[in-house]
Amino acid sequence: MIHFFRRIRKQLLNNKKLSTYALYAIGEVFLVVIGILIALQINNWNNHRIERQEETRTYQNIKSQISEDRKELLEIQAFNRMTLGQLEHANRLISNKNRRAIDTLAYLVMMMSQYSDFNGNGNIYETLVNSGDLKLLKNDEIPMRIKKLENTYNRINHLEDLNWSIIIEELSKELRGVLNYESFERFEPDRIIKPNKLYSHELQNIIYEVRYLSMGKDTIYEKAIKEIDGLEEIISTEIGDNPYSKFHISGNIDFKPHL
């Protein structure tokens, strides 16, 4: 093709057709410019396609992580609600001075050391910033919702820290010398050393504390689950999460945020 154009230029110059040559030269420049513009357009389209694929992968990674969080939250919420029922039962036994159910009360008090604990300590937003993936997200609402969800996670962790503090600093001290844990597991007669302490106002106050704390945890668990549902919905809409989506990416994704 290059030899073809050179031959035409040579013929025009040999025939001294300068005006025709000038027009030809302009046309050749025009063709070169058009070629460059087409190449740039193709390159831009390809870069956009690659960026969109990376953006979609990032969205899918986020969705996968928060879906796992949702599953864990549902399990923890169920456990917390069971604990809440046990605390209410223990409170009724103490209020009614029901001595016939002292073994049940002792068991329920022992179970207070088991509490719901959500391991939502990861920072999805910070991971996106550090990896540089944040700039790939064209929908600004998604990072905003991620930050909001992580604030909710922090509130959950704060309540769980309070729960642990009550167990260590208050409950453990109150039960010291009251129950023989080893004998209680074997259901031996000397398992309850100080039965009156199980019906004390001090222990009932601790049960009240943990009960109201558990109610607060249930509320914040529910809040986090709803925020995850909303975030999953907007991500699914953004990536067209169906097998016919233009940008649907099949196969497993190896990337896992360090959360």
C-alpha atoms as a PDB file:
ATOM      1  CA  MET A   1       0.000   0.000   0.000  1.00  0.00           C
ATOM      2  CA  ILE A   2       2.846   2.364   0.857  1.00  0.00           C
ATOM      3  CA  HIS A   3       4.585   1.596  -2.478  1.00  0.00           C
ATOM      4  CA  PHE A   4       1.287   2.323  -4.232  1.00  0.00           C
ATOM      5  CA  PHE A   5       1.058   5.834  -2.757  1.00  0.00           C
ATOM      6  CA  ARG A   6       4.728   6.490  -3.472  1.00  0.00           C
ATOM      7  CA  ARG A   7       4.228   5.535  -7.126  1.00  0.00           C
ATOM      8  CA  ILE A   8       1.300   7.949  -7.449  1.00  0.00           C
ATOM      9  CA  ARG A   9       3.310  10.776  -5.884  1.00  0.00           C
ATOM     10  CA  LYS A  10       6.231  10.067  -8.244  1.00  0.00           C
ATOM     11  CA  GLN A  11       3.981  10.103 -11.313  1.00  0.00           C
ATOM     12  CA  LEU A  12       2.368  13.391 -10.298  1.00  0.00           C
ATOM     13  CA  LEU A  13       5.733  15.016  -9.715  1.00  0.00           C
ATOM     14  CA  ASN A  14       7.147  13.682 -12.982  1.00  0.00           C
ATOM     15  CA  ASN A  15       4.115  15.035 -14.874  1.00  0.00           C
ATOM     16  CA  LYS A  16       4.509  18.376 -13.041  1.00  0.00           C
ATOM     17  CA  LYS A  17       0.892  18.297 -11.914  1.00  0.00           C
ATOM     18  CA  LEU A  18       1.556  20.346  -8.787  1.00  0.00           C
ATOM     19  CA  SER A  19      -2.053  21.338  -8.087  1.00  0.00           C
ATOM     20  CA  THR A  20      -3.173  17.735  -8.363  1.00  0.00           C
ATOM     21  CA  TYR A  21      -0.266  16.672  -6.175  1.00  0.00           C
ATOM     22  CA  ALA A  22      -1.246  19.242  -3.551  1.00  0.00           C
ATOM     23  CA  LEU A  23      -4.773  17.886  -3.460  1.00  0.00           C
ATOM     24  CA  TYR A  24      -3.413  14.385  -3.250  1.00  0.00           C
ATOM     25  CA  ALA A  25      -1.097  15.343  -0.375  1.00  0.00           C
ATOM     26  CA  ILE A  26      -3.992  16.925   1.511  1.00  0.00           C
ATOM     27  CA  GLY A  27      -6.056  13.796   0.950  1.00  0.00           C
ATOM     28  CA  GLU A  28      -3.251  11.592   2.167  1.00  0.00           C
ATOM     29  CA  VAL A  29      -2.873  13.678   5.334  1.00  0.00           C
ATOM     30  CA  PHE A  30      -6.623  13.480   5.810  1.00  0.00           C
ATOM     31  CA  LEU A  31      -6.522   9.675   5.519  1.00  0.00           C
ATOM     32  CA  VAL A  32      -3.669   9.501   8.029  1.00  0.00           C
ATOM     33  CA  VAL A  33      -5.573  11.707  10.490  1.00  0.00           C
ATOM     34  CA  ILE A  34      -8.716   9.596  10.050  1.00  0.00           C
ATOM     35  CA  GLY A  35      -6.664   6.461  10.642  1.00  0.00           C
ATOM     36  CA  ILE A  36      -5.171   7.912  13.823  1.00  0.00           C
ATOM     37  CA  LEU A  37      -8.596   8.976  15.095  1.00  0.00           C
ATOM     38  CA  ILE A  38     -10.032   5.526  14.406  1.00  0.00           C
ATOM     39  CA  ALA A  39      -7.087   3.904  16.193  1.00  0.00           C
ATOM     40  CA  LEU A  40      -7.563   6.208  19.184  1.00  0.00           C
ATOM     41  CA  GLN A  41     -11.285   5.460  19.250  1.00  0.00           C
ATOM     42  CA  ILE A  42     -10.633   1.723  19.186  1.00  0.00           C
ATOM     43  CA  ASN A  43      -8.028   2.112  21.930  1.00  0.00           C
ATOM     44  CA  ASN A  44     -10.408   4.197  24.066  1.00  0.00           C
ATOM     45  CA  TRP A  45     -13.199   1.687  23.558  1.00  0.00           C
ATOM     46  CA  ASN A  46     -10.906  -1.163  24.544  1.00  0.00           C
ATOM     47  CA  ASN A  47      -9.686   0.703  27.647  1.00  0.00           C
ATOM     48  CA  HIS A  48     -13.282   1.444  28.624  1.00  0.00           C
ATOM     49  CA  ARG A  49     -14.188  -2.210  28.166  1.00  0.00           C
ATOM     50  CA  ILE A  50     -11.283  -3.306  30.379  1.00  0.00           C
ATOM     51  CA  GLU A  51     -12.129  -0.685  33.030  1.00  0.00           C
ATOM     52  CA  ARG A  52     -15.760  -1.782  32.996  1.00  0.00           C
ATOM     53  CA  GLN A  53     -14.733  -5.402  33.496  1.00  0.00           C
ATOM     54  CA  GLU A  54     -12.505  -4.412  36.418  1.00  0.00           C
ATOM     55  CA  GLU A  55     -15.302  -2.282  37.858  1.00  0.00           C
ATOM     56  CA  THR A  56     -17.722  -5.197  37.581  1.00  0.00           C
ATOM     57  CA  ARG A  57     -15.252  -7.552  39.252  1.00  0.00           C
ATOM     58  CA  THR A  58     -14.830  -5.069  42.099  1.00  0.00           C
ATOM     59  CA  TYR A  59     -18.596  -4.818  42.533  1.00  0.00           C
ATOM     60  CA  GLN A  60     -18.875  -8.594  42.569  1.00  0.00           C
ATOM     61  CA  ASN A  61     -16.114  -8.864  45.165  1.00  0.00           C
ATOM     62  CA  ILE A  62     -17.900  -6.344  47.385  1.00  0.00           C
ATOM     63  CA  LYS A  63     -21.189  -8.155  46.931  1.00  0.00           C
ATOM     64  CA  SER A  64     -19.595 -11.493  47.777  1.00  0.00           C
ATOM     65  CA  GLN A  65     -18.065 -10.075  50.981  1.00  0.00           C
ATOM     66  CA  ILE A  66     -21.216  -8.401  52.254  1.00  0.00           C
ATOM     67  CA  SER A  67     -23.246 -11.513  51.392  1.00  0.00           C
ATOM     68  CA  GLU A  68     -20.962 -13.492  53.696  1.00  0.00           C
ATOM     69  CA  ASP A  69     -21.379 -10.784  56.339  1.00  0.00           C
ATOM     70  CA  ARG A  70     -25.161 -11.029  55.978  1.00  0.00           C
ATOM     71  CA  LYS A  71     -25.089 -14.784  56.484  1.00  0.00           C
ATOM     72  CA  GLU A  72     -22.963 -14.386  59.617  1.00  0.00           C
ATOM     73  CA  LEU A  73     -25.184 -11.589  60.939  1.00  0.00           C
ATOM     74  CA  LEU A  74     -28.325 -13.719  60.557  1.00  0.00           C
ATOM     75  CA  GLU A  75     -26.731 -16.556  62.514  1.00  0.00           C
ATOM     76  CA  ILE A  76     -25.476 -14.195  65.214  1.00  0.00           C
ATOM     77  CA  GLN A  77     -28.823 -12.429  65.411  1.00  0.00           C
ATOM     78  CA  ALA A  78     -30.581 -15.777  65.916  1.00  0.00           C
ATOM     79  CA  PHE A  79     -28.145 -16.664  68.713  1.00  0.00           C
ATOM     80  CA  ASN A  80     -28.591 -13.246  70.309  1.00  0.00           C
ATOM     81  CA  ARG A  81     -32.368 -13.629  70.289  1.00  0.00           C
ATOM     82  CA  MET A  82     -32.049 -17.041  71.927  1.00  0.00           C
ATOM     83  CA  THR A  83     -29.796 -15.455  74.561  1.00  0.00           C
ATOM     84  CA  LEU A  84     -32.339 -12.693  75.075  1.00  0.00           C
ATOM     85  CA  GLY A  85     -35.037 -15.296  75.743  1.00  0.00           C
ATOM     86  CA  GLN A  86     -32.775 -17.003  78.299  1.00  0.00           C
ATOM     87  CA  LEU A  87     -32.089 -13.712  80.064  1.00  0.00           C
ATOM     88  CA  GLU A  88     -35.796 -12.938  80.308  1.00  0.00           C
ATOM     89  CA  HIS A  89     -36.435 -16.423  81.713  1.00  0.00           C
ATOM     90  CA  ALA A  90     -33.643 -16.002  84.279  1.00  0.00           C
ATOM     91  CA  ASN A  91     -35.034 -12.623  85.309  1.00  0.00           C
ATOM     92  CA  ARG A  92     -38.491 -14.127  85.876  1.00  0.00           C
ATOM     93  CA  LEU A  93     -37.040 -16.930  88.020  1.00  0.00           C
ATOM     94  CA  ILE A  94     -35.243 -14.402  90.218  1.00  0.00           C
ATOM     95  CA  SER A  95     -38.245 -12.059  90.454  1.00  0.00           C
ATOM     96  CA  ASN A  96     -40.545 -14.962  91.418  1.00  0.00           C
ATOM     97  CA  LYS A  97     -37.971 -16.416  93.843  1.00  0.00           C
ATOM     98  CA  ASN A  98     -38.556 -19.768  92.182  1.00  0.00           C
ATOM     99  CA  ARG A  99     -36.235 -22.030  94.180  1.00  0.00           C
ATOM    100  CA  ARG A 100     -37.507 -25.174  92.507  1.00  0.00           C
ATOM    101  CA  ALA A 101     -35.879 -24.009  89.288  1.00  0.00           C
ATOM    102  CA  ILE A 102     -32.522 -23.190  90.850  1.00  0.00           C
ATOM    103  CA  ASP A 103     -30.675 -25.618  88.560  1.00  0.00           C
ATOM    104  CA  THR A 104     -32.244 -23.947  85.521  1.00  0.00           C
ATOM    105  CA  LEU A 105     -31.323 -20.522  86.856  1.00  0.00           C
ATOM    106  CA  ALA A 106     -27.741 -21.606  87.501  1.00  0.00           C
ATOM    107  CA  TYR A 107     -27.472 -22.966  83.966  1.00  0.00           C
ATOM    108  CA  LEU A 108     -28.913 -19.773  82.449  1.00  0.00           C
ATOM    109  CA  VAL A 109     -26.501 -17.633  84.460  1.00  0.00           C
ATOM    110  CA  MET A 110     -23.578 -19.755  83.308  1.00  0.00           C
ATOM    111  CA  MET A 111     -24.714 -19.347  79.705  1.00  0.00           C
ATOM    112  CA  MET A 112     -24.473 -15.557  80.036  1.00  0.00           C
ATOM    113  CA  SER A 113     -20.758 -15.888  79.342  1.00  0.00           C
ATOM    114  CA  GLN A 114     -21.696 -16.993  75.803  1.00  0.00           C
ATOM    115  CA  TYR A 115     -22.607 -13.959  73.738  1.00  0.00           C
ATOM    116  CA  SER A 116     -23.036 -13.053  70.081  1.00  0.00           C
ATOM    117  CA  ASP A 117     -19.857 -11.712  68.508  1.00  0.00           C
ATOM    118  CA  PHE A 118     -19.753 -10.417  64.935  1.00  0.00           C
ATOM    119  CA  ASN A 119     -16.312 -10.425  63.335  1.00  0.00           C
ATOM    120  CA  GLY A 120     -17.033  -7.436  61.124  1.00  0.00           C
ATOM    121  CA  ASN A 121     -13.687  -5.763  61.695  1.00  0.00           C
ATOM    122  CA  GLY A 122     -12.743  -5.421  58.044  1.00  0.00           C
ATOM    123  CA  ASN A 123     -12.539  -2.139  56.185  1.00  0.00           C
ATOM    124  CA  ILE A 124     -13.955  -2.646  52.704  1.00  0.00           C
ATOM    125  CA  TYR A 125     -13.699   1.063  51.913  1.00  0.00           C
ATOM    126  CA  GLU A 126     -10.102   1.311  53.093  1.00  0.00           C
ATOM    127  CA  THR A 127      -9.226  -1.779  51.046  1.00  0.00           C
ATOM    128  CA  LEU A 128     -10.724  -0.160  47.947  1.00  0.00           C
ATOM    129  CA  VAL A 129      -8.701   3.021  48.549  1.00  0.00           C
ATOM    130  CA  ASN A 130      -5.423   1.189  49.186  1.00  0.00           C
ATOM    131  CA  SER A 131      -5.832  -1.087  46.166  1.00  0.00           C
ATOM    132  CA  GLY A 132      -6.783   1.801  43.889  1.00  0.00           C
ATOM    133  CA  ASP A 133     -10.066   0.099  43.001  1.00  0.00           C
ATOM    134  CA  LEU A 134     -12.141   2.955  44.419  1.00  0.00           C
ATOM    135  CA  LYS A 135     -11.520   5.062  41.318  1.00  0.00           C
ATOM    136  CA  LEU A 136     -13.069   2.278  39.207  1.00  0.00           C
ATOM    137  CA  LEU A 137     -16.470   2.701  40.865  1.00  0.00           C
ATOM    138  CA  LYS A 138     -18.510   5.093  38.754  1.00  0.00           C
ATOM    139  CA  ASN A 139     -21.567   4.987  41.017  1.00  0.00           C
ATOM    140  CA  ASP A 140     -20.721   7.292  43.953  1.00  0.00           C
ATOM    141  CA  GLU A 141     -23.642   5.984  46.008  1.00  0.00           C
ATOM    142  CA  ILE A 142     -21.988   2.579  46.456  1.00  0.00           C
ATOM    143  CA  PRO A 143     -18.852   3.830  48.308  1.00  0.00           C
ATOM    144  CA  MET A 144     -21.134   6.050  50.409  1.00  0.00           C
ATOM    145  CA  ARG A 145     -23.269   3.051  51.388  1.00  0.00           C
ATOM    146  CA  ILE A 146     -20.147   0.996  52.136  1.00  0.00           C
ATOM    147  CA  LYS A 147     -18.908   3.650  54.572  1.00  0.00           C
ATOM    148  CA  LYS A 148     -22.323   3.778  56.208  1.00  0.00           C
ATOM    149  CA  LEU A 149     -22.369  -0.017  56.593  1.00  0.00           C
ATOM    150  CA  GLU A 150     -18.902  -0.023  58.130  1.00  0.00           C
ATOM    151  CA  ASN A 151     -20.021   2.608  60.653  1.00  0.00           C
ATOM    152  CA  THR A 152     -22.838   0.230  61.598  1.00  0.00           C
ATOM    153  CA  TYR A 153     -20.294  -2.592  61.943  1.00  0.00           C
ATOM    154  CA  ASN A 154     -18.276  -0.398  64.307  1.00  0.00           C
ATOM    155  CA  ARG A 155     -21.361   0.199  66.437  1.00  0.00           C
ATOM    156  CA  ILE A 156     -21.959  -3.551  66.593  1.00  0.00           C
ATOM    157  CA  ASN A 157     -18.374  -4.155  67.682  1.00  0.00           C
ATOM    158  CA  HIS A 158     -18.714  -1.454  70.344  1.00  0.00           C
ATOM    159  CA  LEU A 159     -21.794  -3.113  71.835  1.00  0.00           C
ATOM    160  CA  GLU A 160     -20.079  -6.480  71.797  1.00  0.00           C
ATOM    161  CA  ASP A 161     -17.070  -5.003  73.582  1.00  0.00           C
ATOM    162  CA  LEU A 162     -19.454  -3.691  76.236  1.00  0.00           C
ATOM    163  CA  ASN A 163     -21.003  -7.143  76.511  1.00  0.00           C
ATOM    164  CA  TRP A 164     -17.575  -8.680  77.089  1.00  0.00           C
ATOM    165  CA  SER A 165     -16.689  -6.034  79.668  1.00  0.00           C
ATOM    166  CA  ILE A 166     -19.840  -6.779  81.673  1.00  0.00           C
ATOM    167  CA  ILE A 167     -19.041 -10.497  81.642  1.00  0.00           C
ATOM    168  CA  ILE A 168     -15.450 -10.018  82.780  1.00  0.00           C
ATOM    169  CA  GLU A 169     -15.806  -7.082  85.164  1.00  0.00           C
ATOM    170  CA  GLU A 170     -19.233  -7.746  86.688  1.00  0.00           C
ATOM    171  CA  LEU A 171     -20.638 -11.210  86.063  1.00  0.00           C
ATOM    172  CA  SER A 172     -17.427 -13.122  86.755  1.00  0.00           C
ATOM    173  CA  LYS A 173     -16.926 -11.297  90.064  1.00  0.00           C
ATOM    174  CA  GLU A 174     -20.538 -11.852  91.115  1.00  0.00           C
ATOM    175  CA  LEU A 175     -20.389 -15.589  90.385  1.00  0.00           C
ATOM    176  CA  ARG A 176     -17.014 -16.141  92.042  1.00  0.00           C
ATOM    177  CA  GLY A 177     -17.508 -18.884  94.629  1.00  0.00           C
ATOM    178  CA  VAL A 178     -21.216 -19.236  93.775  1.00  0.00           C
ATOM    179  CA  LEU A 179     -21.022 -22.132  91.311  1.00  0.00           C
ATOM    180  CA  ASN A 180     -18.630 -25.040  90.982  1.00  0.00           C
ATOM    181  CA  TYR A 181     -18.375 -25.143  87.213  1.00  0.00           C
ATOM    182  CA  GLU A 182     -16.621 -28.506  87.040  1.00  0.00           C
ATOM    183  CA  SER A 183     -19.149 -30.165  89.363  1.00  0.00           C
ATOM    184  CA  PHE A 184     -22.002 -28.473  87.509  1.00  0.00           C
ATOM    185  CA  GLU A 185     -20.943 -30.082  84.251  1.00  0.00           C
ATOM    186  CA  ARG A 186     -21.076 -33.507  85.960  1.00  0.00           C
ATOM    187  CA  PHE A 187     -24.318 -32.562  87.701  1.00  0.00           C
ATOM    188  CA  GLU A 188     -22.883 -33.319  91.164  1.00  0.00           C
ATOM    189  CA  PRO A 189     -24.728 -32.301  94.378  1.00  0.00           C
ATOM    190  CA  ASP A 190     -22.227 -29.607  95.389  1.00  0.00           C
ATOM    191  CA  ARG A 191     -22.460 -27.757  92.084  1.00  0.00           C
ATOM    192  CA  ILE A 192     -24.306 -24.754  93.615  1.00  0.00           C
ATOM    193  CA  ILE A 193     -22.218 -23.443  96.520  1.00  0.00           C
ATOM    194  CA  LYS A 194     -24.094 -20.219  97.371  1.00  0.00           C
ATOM    195  CA  PRO A 195     -27.707 -20.592  96.169  1.00  0.00           C
ATOM    196  CA  ASN A 196     -28.848 -17.300  97.704  1.00  0.00           C
ATOM    197  CA  LYS A 197     -26.433 -15.347  95.510  1.00  0.00           C
ATOM    198  CA  LEU A 198     -28.295 -16.584  92.428  1.00  0.00           C
ATOM    199  CA  TYR A 199     -31.368 -14.675  93.610  1.00  0.00           C
ATOM    200  CA  SER A 200     -29.533 -11.515  94.616  1.00  0.00           C
ATOM    201  CA  HIS A 201     -30.396  -8.057  93.346  1.00  0.00           C
ATOM    202  CA  GLU A 202     -26.791  -7.648  92.219  1.00  0.00           C
ATOM    203  CA  LEU A 203     -27.045 -10.580  89.824  1.00  0.00           C
ATOM    204  CA  GLN A 204     -30.479  -9.504  88.648  1.00  0.00           C
ATOM    205  CA  ASN A 205     -29.097  -6.050  87.844  1.00  0.00           C
ATOM    206  CA  ILE A 206     -26.363  -7.625  85.721  1.00  0.00           C
ATOM    207  CA  ILE A 207     -29.008  -9.678  83.908  1.00  0.00           C
ATOM    208  CA  TYR A 208     -30.913  -6.445  83.251  1.00  0.00           C
ATOM    209  CA  GLU A 209     -27.775  -4.832  81.838  1.00  0.00           C
ATOM    210  CA  VAL A 210     -27.036  -7.706  79.500  1.00  0.00           C
ATOM    211  CA  ARG A 211     -30.703  -8.001  78.543  1.00  0.00           C
ATOM    212  CA  TYR A 212     -30.990  -4.383  77.416  1.00  0.00           C
ATOM    213  CA  LEU A 213     -27.626  -4.624  75.715  1.00  0.00           C
ATOM    214  CA  SER A 214     -28.841  -7.692  73.805  1.00  0.00           C
ATOM    215  CA  MET A 215     -31.960  -5.788  72.744  1.00  0.00           C
ATOM    216  CA  GLY A 216     -29.752  -3.008  71.406  1.00  0.00           C
ATOM    217  CA  LYS A 217     -27.597  -5.526  69.571  1.00  0.00           C
ATOM    218  CA  ASP A 218     -30.668  -7.061  67.951  1.00  0.00           C
ATOM    219  CA  THR A 219     -31.688  -3.634  66.654  1.00  0.00           C
ATOM    220  CA  ILE A 220     -28.263  -2.864  65.222  1.00  0.00           C
ATOM    221  CA  TYR A 221     -27.962  -6.348  63.674  1.00  0.00           C
ATOM    222  CA  GLU A 222     -31.261  -5.716  61.895  1.00  0.00           C
ATOM    223  CA  LYS A 223     -30.006  -2.327  60.724  1.00  0.00           C
ATOM    224  CA  ALA A 224     -26.840  -3.847  59.268  1.00  0.00           C
ATOM    225  CA  ILE A 225     -28.808  -6.572  57.469  1.00  0.00           C
ATOM    226  CA  LYS A 226     -31.104  -3.991  55.861  1.00  0.00           C
ATOM    227  CA  GLU A 227     -28.129  -1.881  54.801  1.00  0.00           C
ATOM    228  CA  ILE A 228     -26.525  -4.941  53.211  1.00  0.00           C
ATOM    229  CA  ASP A 229     -29.770  -5.730  51.379  1.00  0.00           C
ATOM    230  CA  GLY A 230     -29.899  -2.190  50.002  1.00  0.00           C
ATOM    231  CA  LEU A 231     -26.237  -2.264  48.974  1.00  0.00           C
ATOM    232  CA  GLU A 232     -26.603  -5.653  47.286  1.00  0.00           C
ATOM    233  CA  GLU A 233     -29.631  -4.388  45.362  1.00  0.00           C
ATOM    234  CA  ILE A 234     -27.880  -1.298  43.998  1.00  0.00           C
ATOM    235  CA  ILE A 235     -24.764  -3.324  43.074  1.00  0.00           C
ATOM    236  CA  SER A 236     -26.901  -5.902  41.257  1.00  0.00           C
ATOM    237  CA  THR A 237     -28.584  -3.112  39.330  1.00  0.00           C
ATOM    238  CA  GLU A 238     -25.231  -1.516  38.510  1.00  0.00           C
ATOM    239  CA  ILE A 239     -23.644  -4.672  37.089  1.00  0.00           C
ATOM    240  CA  GLY A 240     -26.800  -6.185  35.609  1.00  0.00           C
ATOM    241  CA  ASP A 241     -26.469  -9.324  37.703  1.00  0.00           C
ATOM    242  CA  ASN A 242     -27.994 -11.816  35.292  1.00  0.00           C
ATOM    243  CA  PRO A 243     -26.548 -14.265  32.703  1.00  0.00           C
ATOM    244  CA  TYR A 244     -27.622 -12.029  29.783  1.00  0.00           C
ATOM    245  CA  SER A 245     -25.959  -8.885  31.093  1.00  0.00           C
ATOM    246  CA  LYS A 246     -23.641  -7.143  28.626  1.00  0.00           C
ATOM    247  CA  PHE A 247     -20.892  -7.007  31.207  1.00  0.00           C
ATOM    248  CA  HIS A 248     -21.647 -10.255  33.021  1.00  0.00           C
ATOM    249  CA  ILE A 249     -18.425 -12.024  34.018  1.00  0.00           C
ATOM    250  CA  SER A 250     -18.619 -15.753  34.567  1.00  0.00           C
ATOM    251  CA  GLY A 251     -16.266 -17.980  36.522  1.00  0.00           C
ATOM    252  CA  ASN A 252     -14.722 -17.729  39.959  1.00  0.00           C
ATOM    253  CA  ILE A 253     -13.053 -14.555  41.125  1.00  0.00           C
ATOM    254  CA  ASP A 254      -9.874 -15.065  43.100  1.00  0.00           C
ATOM    255  CA  PHE A 255      -9.631 -11.571  44.586  1.00  0.00           C
ATOM    256  CA  LYS A 256     -10.489 -11.433  48.276  1.00  0.00           C
ATOM    257  CA  PRO A 257     -10.360  -8.113  50.134  1.00  0.00           C
ATOM    258  CA  HIS A 258      -8.186  -8.165  53.239  1.00  0.00           C
ATOM    259  CA  LEU A 259     -10.982  -7.690  55.746  1.00  0.00           C
END
